[in-house]
Amino acid sequence: LLAPPAGQPPLELSFGEVAAGRGSLGWCSALAARVRALA
């Protein structure tokens, strides 16, 4: 099984978004929530 399923686009993140966001607790918390929901 895959999430998102095959045939649907993956969770898309730009390099700039991740590079800047990984220093932000709020951004990391939001991404963690998205990943945990997928799991």
PDB file of all heavy atoms in Angstrom:
ATOM      1  N   LEU A   1       0.833  -1.204   0.000  1.00  0.00           N
ATOM      2  CA  LEU A   1       0.000   0.000   0.000  1.00  0.00           C
ATOM      3  C   LEU A   1       0.866   1.252   0.000  1.00  0.00           C
ATOM      4  O   LEU A   1       1.920   1.292   0.634  1.00  0.00           O
ATOM      5  CB  LEU A   1      -0.904   0.017   1.240  1.00  0.00           C
ATOM      6  CG  LEU A   1      -1.899  -1.134   1.381  1.00  0.00           C
ATOM      7  CD1 LEU A   1      -2.605  -1.040   2.717  1.00  0.00           C
ATOM      8  CD2 LEU A   1      -2.895  -1.118   0.234  1.00  0.00           C
ATOM      9  N   LEU A   2       0.387   2.283  -0.691  1.00  0.00           N
ATOM     10  CA  LEU A   2       1.061   3.580  -0.730  1.00  0.00           C
ATOM     11  C   LEU A   2       0.107   4.673  -0.298  1.00  0.00           C
ATOM     12  O   LEU A   2      -1.095   4.601  -0.554  1.00  0.00           O
ATOM     13  CB  LEU A   2       1.520   3.902  -2.158  1.00  0.00           C
ATOM     14  CG  LEU A   2       2.613   3.059  -2.765  1.00  0.00           C
ATOM     15  CD1 LEU A   2       2.797   3.420  -4.232  1.00  0.00           C
ATOM     16  CD2 LEU A   2       3.913   3.262  -2.011  1.00  0.00           C
ATOM     17  N   ALA A   3       0.653   5.696   0.319  1.00  0.00           N
ATOM     18  CA  ALA A   3      -0.119   6.905   0.639  1.00  0.00           C
ATOM     19  C   ALA A   3       0.742   8.097   0.296  1.00  0.00           C
ATOM     20  O   ALA A   3       1.879   8.177   0.755  1.00  0.00           O
ATOM     21  CB  ALA A   3      -0.509   6.934   2.120  1.00  0.00           C
ATOM     22  N   PRO A   4       0.267   9.021  -0.510  1.00  0.00           N
ATOM     23  CA  PRO A   4      -0.926   8.931  -1.334  1.00  0.00           C
ATOM     24  C   PRO A   4      -0.817   7.736  -2.293  1.00  0.00           C
ATOM     25  O   PRO A   4       0.278   7.327  -2.675  1.00  0.00           O
ATOM     26  CB  PRO A   4      -0.946  10.236  -2.118  1.00  0.00           C
ATOM     27  CG  PRO A   4      -0.051  11.168  -1.370  1.00  0.00           C
ATOM     28  CD  PRO A   4       0.930  10.305  -0.653  1.00  0.00           C
ATOM     29  N   PRO A   5      -1.983   7.178  -2.686  1.00  0.00           N
ATOM     30  CA  PRO A   5      -1.984   5.989  -3.545  1.00  0.00           C
ATOM     31  C   PRO A   5      -1.327   6.243  -4.900  1.00  0.00           C
ATOM     32  O   PRO A   5      -1.271   7.384  -5.374  1.00  0.00           O
ATOM     33  CB  PRO A   5      -3.467   5.678  -3.732  1.00  0.00           C
ATOM     34  CG  PRO A   5      -4.201   6.492  -2.733  1.00  0.00           C
ATOM     35  CD  PRO A   5      -3.325   7.624  -2.349  1.00  0.00           C
ATOM     36  N   ALA A   6      -0.855   5.168  -5.520  1.00  0.00           N
ATOM     37  CA  ALA A   6      -0.318   5.259  -6.875  1.00  0.00           C
ATOM     38  C   ALA A   6      -1.420   5.838  -7.761  1.00  0.00           C
ATOM     39  O   ALA A   6      -2.595   5.556  -7.576  1.00  0.00           O
ATOM     40  CB  ALA A   6       0.106   3.887  -7.361  1.00  0.00           C
ATOM     41  N   GLY A   7      -1.040   6.665  -8.696  1.00  0.00           N
ATOM     42  CA  GLY A   7      -2.017   7.321  -9.553  1.00  0.00           C
ATOM     43  C   GLY A   7      -2.382   8.713  -9.060  1.00  0.00           C
ATOM     44  O   GLY A   7      -2.946   9.512  -9.793  1.00  0.00           O
ATOM     45  N   GLN A   8      -2.084   8.982  -7.803  1.00  0.00           N
ATOM     46  CA  GLN A   8      -2.268  10.317  -7.236  1.00  0.00           C
ATOM     47  C   GLN A   8      -0.885  10.924  -7.006  1.00  0.00           C
ATOM     48  O   GLN A   8       0.081  10.197  -6.768  1.00  0.00           O
ATOM     49  CB  GLN A   8      -3.032  10.264  -5.911  1.00  0.00           C
ATOM     50  CG  GLN A   8      -4.469   9.855  -6.053  1.00  0.00           C
ATOM     51  CD  GLN A   8      -5.189   9.912  -4.709  1.00  0.00           C
ATOM     52  OE1 GLN A   8      -4.709  10.486  -3.746  1.00  0.00           O
ATOM     53  NE2 GLN A   8      -6.351   9.287  -4.650  1.00  0.00           N
ATOM     54  N   PRO A   9      -0.791  12.245  -7.060  1.00  0.00           N
ATOM     55  CA  PRO A   9       0.526  12.857  -6.836  1.00  0.00           C
ATOM     56  C   PRO A   9       0.992  12.655  -5.393  1.00  0.00           C
ATOM     57  O   PRO A   9       0.178  12.571  -4.476  1.00  0.00           O
ATOM     58  CB  PRO A   9       0.294  14.337  -7.133  1.00  0.00           C
ATOM     59  CG  PRO A   9      -1.176  14.545  -7.063  1.00  0.00           C
ATOM     60  CD  PRO A   9      -1.829  13.230  -7.335  1.00  0.00           C
ATOM     61  N   PRO A  10       2.299  12.567  -5.200  1.00  0.00           N
ATOM     62  CA  PRO A  10       2.830  12.465  -3.834  1.00  0.00           C
ATOM     63  C   PRO A  10       2.646  13.787  -3.101  1.00  0.00           C
ATOM     64  O   PRO A  10       2.251  14.793  -3.701  1.00  0.00           O
ATOM     65  CB  PRO A  10       4.308  12.163  -4.055  1.00  0.00           C
ATOM     66  CG  PRO A  10       4.617  12.768  -5.376  1.00  0.00           C
ATOM     67  CD  PRO A  10       3.362  12.634  -6.199  1.00  0.00           C
ATOM     68  N   LEU A  11       2.930  13.780  -1.840  1.00  0.00           N
ATOM     69  CA  LEU A  11       2.984  15.011  -1.058  1.00  0.00           C
ATOM     70  C   LEU A  11       4.137  15.816  -1.639  1.00  0.00           C
ATOM     71  O   LEU A  11       5.280  15.359  -1.646  1.00  0.00           O
ATOM     72  CB  LEU A  11       3.226  14.681   0.409  1.00  0.00           C
ATOM     73  CG  LEU A  11       3.364  15.816   1.398  1.00  0.00           C
ATOM     74  CD1 LEU A  11       2.110  16.681   1.422  1.00  0.00           C
ATOM     75  CD2 LEU A  11       3.635  15.264   2.780  1.00  0.00           C
ATOM     76  N   GLU A  12       3.853  16.983  -2.186  1.00  0.00           N
ATOM     77  CA  GLU A  12       4.844  17.808  -2.881  1.00  0.00           C
ATOM     78  C   GLU A  12       5.364  18.900  -1.951  1.00  0.00           C
ATOM     79  O   GLU A  12       4.573  19.638  -1.363  1.00  0.00           O
ATOM     80  CB  GLU A  12       4.221  18.473  -4.109  1.00  0.00           C
ATOM     81  CG  GLU A  12       3.721  17.508  -5.150  1.00  0.00           C
ATOM     82  CD  GLU A  12       4.811  17.017  -6.075  1.00  0.00           C
ATOM     83  OE1 GLU A  12       5.926  17.588  -6.065  1.00  0.00           O
ATOM     84  OE2 GLU A  12       4.545  16.056  -6.804  1.00  0.00           O
ATOM     85  N   LEU A  13       6.667  18.992  -1.853  1.00  0.00           N
ATOM     86  CA  LEU A  13       7.304  20.025  -1.038  1.00  0.00           C
ATOM     87  C   LEU A  13       8.449  20.626  -1.826  1.00  0.00           C
ATOM     88  O   LEU A  13       9.287  19.893  -2.365  1.00  0.00           O
ATOM     89  CB  LEU A  13       7.831  19.432   0.272  1.00  0.00           C
ATOM     90  CG  LEU A  13       6.792  18.767   1.171  1.00  0.00           C
ATOM     91  CD1 LEU A  13       7.473  17.921   2.224  1.00  0.00           C
ATOM     92  CD2 LEU A  13       5.908  19.807   1.807  1.00  0.00           C
ATOM     93  N   SER A  14       8.508  21.939  -1.909  1.00  0.00           N
ATOM     94  CA  SER A  14       9.613  22.574  -2.629  1.00  0.00           C
ATOM     95  C   SER A  14      10.854  22.596  -1.739  1.00  0.00           C
ATOM     96  O   SER A  14      10.765  22.603  -0.508  1.00  0.00           O
ATOM     97  CB  SER A  14       9.244  23.997  -3.051  1.00  0.00           C
ATOM     98  OG  SER A  14       9.263  24.863  -1.933  1.00  0.00           O
ATOM     99  N   PHE A  15      12.007  22.607  -2.390  1.00  0.00           N
ATOM    100  CA  PHE A  15      13.270  22.679  -1.657  1.00  0.00           C
ATOM    101  C   PHE A  15      13.297  23.912  -0.768  1.00  0.00           C
ATOM    102  O   PHE A  15      13.633  23.835   0.414  1.00  0.00           O
ATOM    103  CB  PHE A  15      14.432  22.676  -2.647  1.00  0.00           C
ATOM    104  CG  PHE A  15      15.747  23.093  -2.040  1.00  0.00           C
ATOM    105  CD1 PHE A  15      16.287  22.427  -0.952  1.00  0.00           C
ATOM    106  CD2 PHE A  15      16.447  24.164  -2.561  1.00  0.00           C
ATOM    107  CE1 PHE A  15      17.503  22.814  -0.397  1.00  0.00           C
ATOM    108  CE2 PHE A  15      17.664  24.549  -2.021  1.00  0.00           C
ATOM    109  CZ  PHE A  15      18.185  23.874  -0.936  1.00  0.00           C
ATOM    110  N   GLY A  16      12.923  25.063  -1.310  1.00  0.00           N
ATOM    111  CA  GLY A  16      12.941  26.303  -0.533  1.00  0.00           C
ATOM    112  C   GLY A  16      12.025  26.250   0.673  1.00  0.00           C
ATOM    113  O   GLY A  16      12.379  26.712   1.759  1.00  0.00           O
ATOM    114  N   GLU A  17      10.849  25.663   0.492  1.00  0.00           N
ATOM    115  CA  GLU A  17       9.885  25.542   1.589  1.00  0.00           C
ATOM    116  C   GLU A  17      10.453  24.694   2.722  1.00  0.00           C
ATOM    117  O   GLU A  17      10.365  25.053   3.896  1.00  0.00           O
ATOM    118  CB  GLU A  17       8.599  24.906   1.043  1.00  0.00           C
ATOM    119  CG  GLU A  17       7.567  24.549   2.083  1.00  0.00           C
ATOM    120  CD  GLU A  17       6.395  23.760   1.521  1.00  0.00           C
ATOM    121  OE1 GLU A  17       6.455  23.300   0.356  1.00  0.00           O
ATOM    122  OE2 GLU A  17       5.421  23.602   2.258  1.00  0.00           O
ATOM    123  N   VAL A  18      11.052  23.555   2.368  1.00  0.00           N
ATOM    124  CA  VAL A  18      11.593  22.655   3.400  1.00  0.00           C
ATOM    125  C   VAL A  18      12.826  23.268   4.050  1.00  0.00           C
ATOM    126  O   VAL A  18      12.972  23.247   5.278  1.00  0.00           O
ATOM    127  CB  VAL A  18      11.911  21.263   2.818  1.00  0.00           C
ATOM    128  CG1 VAL A  18      12.509  20.355   3.896  1.00  0.00           C
ATOM    129  CG2 VAL A  18      10.666  20.633   2.218  1.00  0.00           C
ATOM    130  N   ALA A  19      13.713  23.841   3.239  1.00  0.00           N
ATOM    131  CA  ALA A  19      14.944  24.436   3.782  1.00  0.00           C
ATOM    132  C   ALA A  19      14.619  25.545   4.777  1.00  0.00           C
ATOM    133  O   ALA A  19      15.240  25.639   5.836  1.00  0.00           O
ATOM    134  CB  ALA A  19      15.816  24.967   2.654  1.00  0.00           C
ATOM    135  N   ALA A  20      13.645  26.384   4.453  1.00  0.00           N
ATOM    136  CA  ALA A  20      13.262  27.471   5.357  1.00  0.00           C
ATOM    137  C   ALA A  20      12.409  26.958   6.511  1.00  0.00           C
ATOM    138  O   ALA A  20      12.574  27.380   7.654  1.00  0.00           O
ATOM    139  CB  ALA A  20      12.509  28.547   4.587  1.00  0.00           C
ATOM    140  N   GLY A  21      11.500  26.026   6.225  1.00  0.00           N
ATOM    141  CA  GLY A  21      10.539  25.566   7.226  1.00  0.00           C
ATOM    142  C   GLY A  21      11.118  24.680   8.294  1.00  0.00           C
ATOM    143  O   GLY A  21      10.603  24.646   9.413  1.00  0.00           O
ATOM    144  N   ARG A  22      12.189  23.969   7.990  1.00  0.00           N
ATOM    145  CA  ARG A  22      12.718  23.049   8.998  1.00  0.00           C
ATOM    146  C   ARG A  22      13.266  23.781  10.220  1.00  0.00           C
ATOM    147  O   ARG A  22      13.514  23.160  11.246  1.00  0.00           O
ATOM    148  CB  ARG A  22      13.759  22.112   8.397  1.00  0.00           C
ATOM    149  CG  ARG A  22      15.065  22.740   8.028  1.00  0.00           C
ATOM    150  CD  ARG A  22      15.954  21.700   7.365  1.00  0.00           C
ATOM    151  NE  ARG A  22      17.303  22.190   7.190  1.00  0.00           N
ATOM    152  CZ  ARG A  22      18.386  21.443   7.293  1.00  0.00           C
ATOM    153  NH1 ARG A  22      18.282  20.161   7.567  1.00  0.00           N
ATOM    154  NH2 ARG A  22      19.567  21.971   7.120  1.00  0.00           N
ATOM    155  N   GLY A  23      13.403  25.083  10.131  1.00  0.00           N
ATOM    156  CA  GLY A  23      13.820  25.884  11.272  1.00  0.00           C
ATOM    157  C   GLY A  23      12.647  26.460  12.051  1.00  0.00           C
ATOM    158  O   GLY A  23      12.848  27.184  13.017  1.00  0.00           O
ATOM    159  N   SER A  24      11.425  26.118  11.644  1.00  0.00           N
ATOM    160  CA  SER A  24      10.223  26.666  12.275  1.00  0.00           C
ATOM    161  C   SER A  24       9.435  25.563  12.973  1.00  0.00           C
ATOM    162  O   SER A  24       8.983  24.610  12.326  1.00  0.00           O
ATOM    163  CB  SER A  24       9.341  27.327  11.205  1.00  0.00           C
ATOM    164  OG  SER A  24       8.035  27.516  11.681  1.00  0.00           O
ATOM    165  N   LEU A  25       9.243  25.710  14.262  1.00  0.00           N
ATOM    166  CA  LEU A  25       8.488  24.721  15.023  1.00  0.00           C
ATOM    167  C   LEU A  25       7.065  24.581  14.492  1.00  0.00           C
ATOM    168  O   LEU A  25       6.555  23.469  14.367  1.00  0.00           O
ATOM    169  CB  LEU A  25       8.473  25.090  16.508  1.00  0.00           C
ATOM    170  CG  LEU A  25       7.855  24.073  17.449  1.00  0.00           C
ATOM    171  CD1 LEU A  25       8.551  22.723  17.331  1.00  0.00           C
ATOM    172  CD2 LEU A  25       7.930  24.573  18.875  1.00  0.00           C
ATOM    173  N   GLY A  26       6.443  25.686  14.126  1.00  0.00           N
ATOM    174  CA  GLY A  26       5.078  25.643  13.601  1.00  0.00           C
ATOM    175  C   GLY A  26       4.999  24.885  12.290  1.00  0.00           C
ATOM    176  O   GLY A  26       4.088  24.073  12.081  1.00  0.00           O
ATOM    177  N   TRP A  27       5.943  25.145  11.384  1.00  0.00           N
ATOM    178  CA  TRP A  27       5.960  24.463  10.091  1.00  0.00           C
ATOM    179  C   TRP A  27       6.204  22.966  10.297  1.00  0.00           C
ATOM    180  O   TRP A  27       5.536  22.129   9.689  1.00  0.00           O
ATOM    181  CB  TRP A  27       7.035  25.066   9.189  1.00  0.00           C
ATOM    182  CG  TRP A  27       7.015  24.494   7.805  1.00  0.00           C
ATOM    183  CD1 TRP A  27       6.270  24.930   6.747  1.00  0.00           C
ATOM    184  CD2 TRP A  27       7.779  23.375   7.332  1.00  0.00           C
ATOM    185  NE1 TRP A  27       6.527  24.143   5.651  1.00  0.00           N
ATOM    186  CE2 TRP A  27       7.452  23.180   5.982  1.00  0.00           C
ATOM    187  CE3 TRP A  27       8.703  22.525   7.927  1.00  0.00           C
ATOM    188  CZ2 TRP A  27       8.009  22.167   5.213  1.00  0.00           C
ATOM    189  CZ3 TRP A  27       9.261  21.511   7.159  1.00  0.00           C
ATOM    190  CH2 TRP A  27       8.912  21.341   5.817  1.00  0.00           C
ATOM    191  N   CYS A  28       7.154  22.629  11.150  1.00  0.00           N
ATOM    192  CA  CYS A  28       7.460  21.221  11.425  1.00  0.00           C
ATOM    193  C   CYS A  28       6.255  20.511  12.044  1.00  0.00           C
ATOM    194  O   CYS A  28       5.956  19.370  11.696  1.00  0.00           O
ATOM    195  CB  CYS A  28       8.670  21.092  12.347  1.00  0.00           C
ATOM    196  SG  CYS A  28      10.238  21.497  11.555  1.00  0.00           S
ATOM    197  N   SER A  29       5.574  21.180  12.929  1.00  0.00           N
ATOM    198  CA  SER A  29       4.396  20.601  13.566  1.00  0.00           C
ATOM    199  C   SER A  29       3.302  20.322  12.538  1.00  0.00           C
ATOM    200  O   SER A  29       2.658  19.263  12.565  1.00  0.00           O
ATOM    201  CB  SER A  29       3.890  21.542  14.654  1.00  0.00           C
ATOM    202  OG  SER A  29       2.755  21.013  15.285  1.00  0.00           O
ATOM    203  N   ALA A  30       3.089  21.248  11.617  1.00  0.00           N
ATOM    204  CA  ALA A  30       2.072  21.063  10.579  1.00  0.00           C
ATOM    205  C   ALA A  30       2.454  19.907   9.649  1.00  0.00           C
ATOM    206  O   ALA A  30       1.598  19.085   9.283  1.00  0.00           O
ATOM    207  CB  ALA A  30       1.884  22.353   9.785  1.00  0.00           C
ATOM    208  N   LEU A  31       3.722  19.813   9.261  1.00  0.00           N
ATOM    209  CA  LEU A  31       4.155  18.714   8.403  1.00  0.00           C
ATOM    210  C   LEU A  31       4.035  17.382   9.143  1.00  0.00           C
ATOM    211  O   LEU A  31       3.597  16.389   8.566  1.00  0.00           O
ATOM    212  CB  LEU A  31       5.588  18.934   7.920  1.00  0.00           C
ATOM    213  CG  LEU A  31       6.152  17.835   7.020  1.00  0.00           C
ATOM    214  CD1 LEU A  31       5.290  17.636   5.769  1.00  0.00           C
ATOM    215  CD2 LEU A  31       7.595  18.157   6.634  1.00  0.00           C
ATOM    216  N   ALA A  32       4.405  17.353  10.402  1.00  0.00           N
ATOM    217  CA  ALA A  32       4.283  16.129  11.192  1.00  0.00           C
ATOM    218  C   ALA A  32       2.827  15.669  11.242  1.00  0.00           C
ATOM    219  O   ALA A  32       2.550  14.469  11.104  1.00  0.00           O
ATOM    220  CB  ALA A  32       4.819  16.350  12.603  1.00  0.00           C
ATOM    221  N   ALA A  33       1.902  16.595  11.404  1.00  0.00           N
ATOM    222  CA  ALA A  33       0.482  16.246  11.433  1.00  0.00           C
ATOM    223  C   ALA A  33       0.034  15.657  10.098  1.00  0.00           C
ATOM    224  O   ALA A  33      -0.716  14.670  10.066  1.00  0.00           O
ATOM    225  CB  ALA A  33      -0.359  17.471  11.793  1.00  0.00           C
ATOM    226  N   ARG A  34       0.496  16.232   8.992  1.00  0.00           N
ATOM    227  CA  ARG A  34       0.145  15.703   7.660  1.00  0.00           C
ATOM    228  C   ARG A  34       0.695  14.293   7.476  1.00  0.00           C
ATOM    229  O   ARG A  34       0.000  13.398   6.982  1.00  0.00           O
ATOM    230  CB  ARG A  34       0.696  16.608   6.565  1.00  0.00           C
ATOM    231  CG  ARG A  34       0.003  17.952   6.486  1.00  0.00           C
ATOM    232  CD  ARG A  34       0.699  18.902   5.540  1.00  0.00           C
ATOM    233  NE  ARG A  34       0.518  18.519   4.129  1.00  0.00           N
ATOM    234  CZ  ARG A  34       1.131  19.130   3.125  1.00  0.00           C
ATOM    235  NH1 ARG A  34       1.966  20.134   3.355  1.00  0.00           N
ATOM    236  NH2 ARG A  34       0.917  18.737   1.893  1.00  0.00           N
ATOM    237  N   VAL A  35       1.942  14.079   7.871  1.00  0.00           N
ATOM    238  CA  VAL A  35       2.578  12.767   7.720  1.00  0.00           C
ATOM    239  C   VAL A  35       1.877  11.741   8.593  1.00  0.00           C
ATOM    240  O   VAL A  35       1.591  10.617   8.149  1.00  0.00           O
ATOM    241  CB  VAL A  35       4.089  12.853   8.052  1.00  0.00           C
ATOM    242  CG1 VAL A  35       4.712  11.476   8.189  1.00  0.00           C
ATOM    243  CG2 VAL A  35       4.812  13.683   7.000  1.00  0.00           C
ATOM    244  N   ARG A  36       1.581  12.104   9.814  1.00  0.00           N
ATOM    245  CA  ARG A  36       0.926  11.159  10.730  1.00  0.00           C
ATOM    246  C   ARG A  36      -0.469  10.803  10.253  1.00  0.00           C
ATOM    247  O   ARG A  36      -0.900   9.658  10.374  1.00  0.00           O
ATOM    248  CB  ARG A  36       0.929  11.718  12.143  1.00  0.00           C
ATOM    249  CG  ARG A  36       2.352  11.754  12.722  1.00  0.00           C
ATOM    250  CD  ARG A  36       2.404  12.235  14.122  1.00  0.00           C
ATOM    251  NE  ARG A  36       1.945  11.150  14.989  1.00  0.00           N
ATOM    252  CZ  ARG A  36       2.107  11.155  16.292  1.00  0.00           C
ATOM    253  NH1 ARG A  36       2.702  12.154  16.886  1.00  0.00           N
ATOM    254  NH2 ARG A  36       1.670  10.144  17.007  1.00  0.00           N
ATOM    255  N   ALA A  37      -1.185  11.766   9.652  1.00  0.00           N
ATOM    256  CA  ALA A  37      -2.515  11.482   9.101  1.00  0.00           C
ATOM    257  C   ALA A  37      -2.400  10.498   7.934  1.00  0.00           C
ATOM    258  O   ALA A  37      -3.206   9.559   7.824  1.00  0.00           O
ATOM    259  CB  ALA A  37      -3.193  12.774   8.657  1.00  0.00           C
ATOM    260  N   LEU A  38      -1.405  10.693   7.065  1.00  0.00           N
ATOM    261  CA  LEU A  38      -1.186   9.746   5.968  1.00  0.00           C
ATOM    262  C   LEU A  38      -0.877   8.351   6.511  1.00  0.00           C
ATOM    263  O   LEU A  38      -1.383   7.352   6.008  1.00  0.00           O
ATOM    264  CB  LEU A  38      -0.027  10.209   5.084  1.00  0.00           C
ATOM    265  CG  LEU A  38      -0.298  11.286   4.057  1.00  0.00           C
ATOM    266  CD1 LEU A  38       1.006  11.707   3.374  1.00  0.00           C
ATOM    267  CD2 LEU A  38      -1.299  10.822   3.021  1.00  0.00           C
ATOM    268  N   ALA A  39      -0.049   8.272   7.540  1.00  0.00           N
ATOM    269  CA  ALA A  39       0.315   6.983   8.135  1.00  0.00           C
ATOM    270  C   ALA A  39      -0.895   6.310   8.777  1.00  0.00           C
ATOM    271  O   ALA A  39      -1.062   5.087   8.657  1.00  0.00           O
ATOM    272  CB  ALA A  39       1.435   7.164   9.159  1.00  0.00           C
TER     273      ALA A  39
END
